[in-house]
C-alpha atoms as a PDB file:
ATOM      1  CA  UNK A   1     276.339 114.674 295.915  1.00  0.00           C
ATOM      2  CA  UNK A   2     272.654 113.696 296.221  1.00  0.00           C
ATOM      3  CA  UNK A   3     271.230 110.679 294.298  1.00  0.00           C
ATOM      4  CA  UNK A   4     269.025 111.652 291.344  1.00  0.00           C
ATOM      5  CA  UNK A   5     265.208 110.815 291.632  1.00  0.00           C
ATOM      6  CA  UNK A   6     263.575 109.043 288.635  1.00  0.00           C
ATOM      7  CA  UNK A   7     261.131 110.891 286.603  1.00  0.00           C
ATOM      8  CA  UNK A   8     259.600 110.910 283.290  1.00  0.00           C
ATOM      9  CA  UNK A   9     258.209 113.091 280.554  1.00  0.00           C
ATOM     10  CA  UNK A  10     255.664 112.357 277.826  1.00  0.00           C
ATOM     11  CA  UNK A  11     255.052 114.310 274.790  1.00  0.00           C
ATOM     12  CA  UNK A  12     252.371 113.507 272.215  1.00  0.00           C
ATOM     13  CA  UNK A  13     252.033 115.307 268.742  1.00  0.00           C
ATOM     14  CA  UNK A  14     252.810 118.950 269.098  1.00  0.00           C
ATOM     15  CA  UNK A  15     251.555 119.128 272.844  1.00  0.00           C
ATOM     16  CA  UNK A  16     253.635 120.418 275.597  1.00  0.00           C
ATOM     17  CA  UNK A  17     255.698 117.993 277.701  1.00  0.00           C
ATOM     18  CA  UNK A  18     254.511 117.201 281.066  1.00  0.00           C
ATOM     19  CA  UNK A  19     257.223 116.056 283.702  1.00  0.00           C
ATOM     20  CA  UNK A  20     256.269 113.756 286.450  1.00  0.00           C
ATOM     21  CA  UNK A  21     258.057 112.296 289.537  1.00  0.00           C
ATOM     22  CA  UNK A  22     258.809 108.427 289.628  1.00  0.00           C
ATOM     23  CA  UNK A  23     258.920 105.777 286.844  1.00  0.00           C
ATOM     24  CA  UNK A  24     256.003 105.737 284.098  1.00  0.00           C
ATOM     25  CA  UNK A  25     253.174 103.691 284.867  1.00  0.00           C
ATOM     26  CA  UNK A  26     251.859 101.359 282.158  1.00  0.00           C
ATOM     27  CA  UNK A  27     248.307 101.518 280.826  1.00  0.00           C
ATOM     28  CA  UNK A  28     246.583  98.918 282.864  1.00  0.00           C
ATOM     29  CA  UNK A  29     243.841  96.814 281.205  1.00  0.00           C
ATOM     30  CA  UNK A  30     241.806  94.461 283.624  1.00  0.00           C
ATOM     31  CA  UNK A  31     239.346  91.855 282.386  1.00  0.00           C
ATOM     32  CA  UNK A  32     236.885  90.929 285.087  1.00  0.00           C
ATOM     33  CA  UNK A  33     233.663  88.887 285.442  1.00  0.00           C
ATOM     34  CA  UNK A  34     230.593  90.506 286.931  1.00  0.00           C
ATOM     35  CA  UNK A  35     227.440  88.790 287.724  1.00  0.00           C
ATOM     36  CA  UNK A  36     227.399  85.491 286.027  1.00  0.00           C
ATOM     37  CA  UNK A  37     228.970  85.232 282.552  1.00  0.00           C
ATOM     38  CA  UNK A  38     229.200  89.062 282.018  1.00  0.00           C
ATOM     39  CA  UNK A  39     232.610  90.213 281.476  1.00  0.00           C
ATOM     40  CA  UNK A  40     234.008  93.847 281.318  1.00  0.00           C
ATOM     41  CA  UNK A  41     237.217  95.437 280.527  1.00  0.00           C
ATOM     42  CA  UNK A  42     238.848  98.285 282.680  1.00  0.00           C
ATOM     43  CA  UNK A  43     241.388 100.493 281.251  1.00  0.00           C
ATOM     44  CA  UNK A  44     243.354 102.737 283.530  1.00  0.00           C
ATOM     45  CA  UNK A  45     246.407 105.148 283.479  1.00  0.00           C
ATOM     46  CA  UNK A  46     245.652 106.853 280.222  1.00  0.00           C
ATOM     47  CA  UNK A  47     246.214 110.123 281.647  1.00  0.00           C
ATOM     48  CA  UNK A  48     250.047 109.454 282.054  1.00  0.00           C
ATOM     49  CA  UNK A  49     250.245 109.326 278.238  1.00  0.00           C
ATOM     50  CA  UNK A  50     248.131 112.560 277.382  1.00  0.00           C
ATOM     51  CA  UNK A  51     245.259 110.301 276.133  1.00  0.00           C
ATOM     52  CA  UNK A  52     241.769 111.515 276.784  1.00  0.00           C
ATOM     53  CA  UNK A  53     239.536 108.707 278.385  1.00  0.00           C
ATOM     54  CA  UNK A  54     236.475 110.146 276.683  1.00  0.00           C
ATOM     55  CA  UNK A  55     237.924 109.807 273.181  1.00  0.00           C
ATOM     56  CA  UNK A  56     239.092 106.132 273.894  1.00  0.00           C
ATOM     57  CA  UNK A  57     235.676 105.301 275.334  1.00  0.00           C
ATOM     58  CA  UNK A  58     233.829 106.714 272.246  1.00  0.00           C
ATOM     59  CA  UNK A  59     236.249 105.073 269.779  1.00  0.00           C
ATOM     60  CA  UNK A  60     235.958 101.798 271.680  1.00  0.00           C
ATOM     61  CA  UNK A  61     232.321 101.739 271.865  1.00  0.00           C
ATOM     62  CA  UNK A  62     232.213 101.766 267.997  1.00  0.00           C
ATOM     63  CA  UNK A  63     234.873  99.198 267.426  1.00  0.00           C
ATOM     64  CA  UNK A  64     233.871  96.807 270.017  1.00  0.00           C
ATOM     65  CA  UNK A  65     230.087  97.332 269.414  1.00  0.00           C
ATOM     66  CA  UNK A  66     229.618  97.674 273.209  1.00  0.00           C
ATOM     67  CA  UNK A  67     228.645  99.936 275.849  1.00  0.00           C
ATOM     68  CA  UNK A  68     231.406 102.064 277.442  1.00  0.00           C
ATOM     69  CA  UNK A  69     231.423 104.157 280.676  1.00  0.00           C
ATOM     70  CA  UNK A  70     234.039 106.797 281.949  1.00  0.00           C
ATOM     71  CA  UNK A  71     234.609 106.819 285.705  1.00  0.00           C
ATOM     72  CA  UNK A  72     236.240 110.171 286.855  1.00  0.00           C
ATOM     73  CA  UNK A  73     238.129 110.260 290.050  1.00  0.00           C
ATOM     74  CA  UNK A  74     240.482 113.030 291.209  1.00  0.00           C
ATOM     75  CA  UNK A  75     243.668 112.760 289.314  1.00  0.00           C
ATOM     76  CA  UNK A  76     242.520 109.783 287.044  1.00  0.00           C
ATOM     77  CA  UNK A  77     239.853 108.418 284.939  1.00  0.00           C
ATOM     78  CA  UNK A  78     239.121 104.919 284.011  1.00  0.00           C
ATOM     79  CA  UNK A  79     237.245 103.368 280.909  1.00  0.00           C
ATOM     80  CA  UNK A  80     234.890 100.466 281.433  1.00  0.00           C
ATOM     81  CA  UNK A  81     233.877  98.374 278.292  1.00  0.00           C
ATOM     82  CA  UNK A  82     231.413  95.556 278.134  1.00  0.00           C
ATOM     83  CA  UNK A  83     232.985  92.322 277.345  1.00  0.00           C
ATOM     84  CA  UNK A  84     236.387  91.187 276.694  1.00  0.00           C
ATOM     85  CA  UNK A  85     237.880  94.011 274.533  1.00  0.00           C
ATOM     86  CA  UNK A  86     241.452  93.798 275.448  1.00  0.00           C
ATOM     87  CA  UNK A  87     242.564  93.064 271.609  1.00  0.00           C
ATOM     88  CA  UNK A  88     240.573  95.951 270.317  1.00  0.00           C
ATOM     89  CA  UNK A  89     241.699  98.526 272.736  1.00  0.00           C
ATOM     90  CA  UNK A  90     245.358  97.609 272.811  1.00  0.00           C
ATOM     91  CA  UNK A  91     245.208  97.745 268.802  1.00  0.00           C
ATOM     92  CA  UNK A  92     243.421 101.064 269.157  1.00  0.00           C
ATOM     93  CA  UNK A  93     246.090 102.300 271.493  1.00  0.00           C
ATOM     94  CA  UNK A  94     249.024 101.233 269.352  1.00  0.00           C
ATOM     95  CA  UNK A  95     247.633 102.270 265.992  1.00  0.00           C
ATOM     96  CA  UNK A  96     245.879 105.581 266.640  1.00  0.00           C
ATOM     97  CA  UNK A  97     247.965 106.889 269.800  1.00  0.00           C
ATOM     98  CA  UNK A  98     251.154 105.302 268.909  1.00  0.00           C
ATOM     99  CA  UNK A  99     251.531 103.570 272.247  1.00  0.00           C
ATOM    100  CA  UNK A 100     254.046 100.933 272.228  1.00  0.00           C
ATOM    101  CA  UNK A 101     252.855  97.382 273.568  1.00  0.00           C
ATOM    102  CA  UNK A 102     255.652  97.591 276.277  1.00  0.00           C
ATOM    103  CA  UNK A 103     253.396 100.168 277.914  1.00  0.00           C
ATOM    104  CA  UNK A 104     250.250  98.101 278.039  1.00  0.00           C
ATOM    105  CA  UNK A 105     249.849  95.600 280.865  1.00  0.00           C
ATOM    106  CA  UNK A 106     246.898  93.215 280.805  1.00  0.00           C
ATOM    107  CA  UNK A 107     245.552  91.483 283.870  1.00  0.00           C
ATOM    108  CA  UNK A 108     242.966  88.523 283.502  1.00  0.00           C
ATOM    109  CA  UNK A 109     240.802  88.126 286.322  1.00  0.00           C
ATOM    110  CA  UNK A 110     238.285  85.911 284.948  1.00  0.00           C
ATOM    111  CA  UNK A 111     237.351  82.735 286.674  1.00  0.00           C
ATOM    112  CA  UNK A 112     238.953  79.777 285.008  1.00  0.00           C
ATOM    113  CA  UNK A 113     236.171  77.363 283.937  1.00  0.00           C
ATOM    114  CA  UNK A 114     236.030  74.030 285.950  1.00  0.00           C
ATOM    115  CA  UNK A 115     235.648  70.901 284.100  1.00  0.00           C
ATOM    116  CA  UNK A 116     232.888  68.630 285.486  1.00  0.00           C
ATOM    117  CA  UNK A 117     232.706  65.019 285.442  1.00  0.00           C
ATOM    118  CA  UNK A 118     235.223  62.994 284.081  1.00  0.00           C
ATOM    119  CA  UNK A 119     235.361  59.105 283.111  1.00  0.00           C
ATOM    120  CA  UNK A 120     232.376  57.320 284.157  1.00  0.00           C
END
């Protein structure tokens, strides 16, 4: 007998189930620092859960009172939110879309502040 290959299926509301190869990838939220003290939050892998990136960007723009951008690439799209909006977006995904927190990964790429000086 051949070994079985992993796959996953996600259904949301009354929409048709989509079956994909491999294990499901979590929604990835990355907080980065750009030019000086500017922080941005990048949200990826929303399409695996049937979540429209444009809708998340529009809602996050109002909730976070920040500018949002949707970067579309073939097969995926990314939402870029100005500022550290991890808590706001994760609450949005859990409350409005019913996405469990175990499917949300957060990566913090902020530079840790160095403490200057010491005892003199």
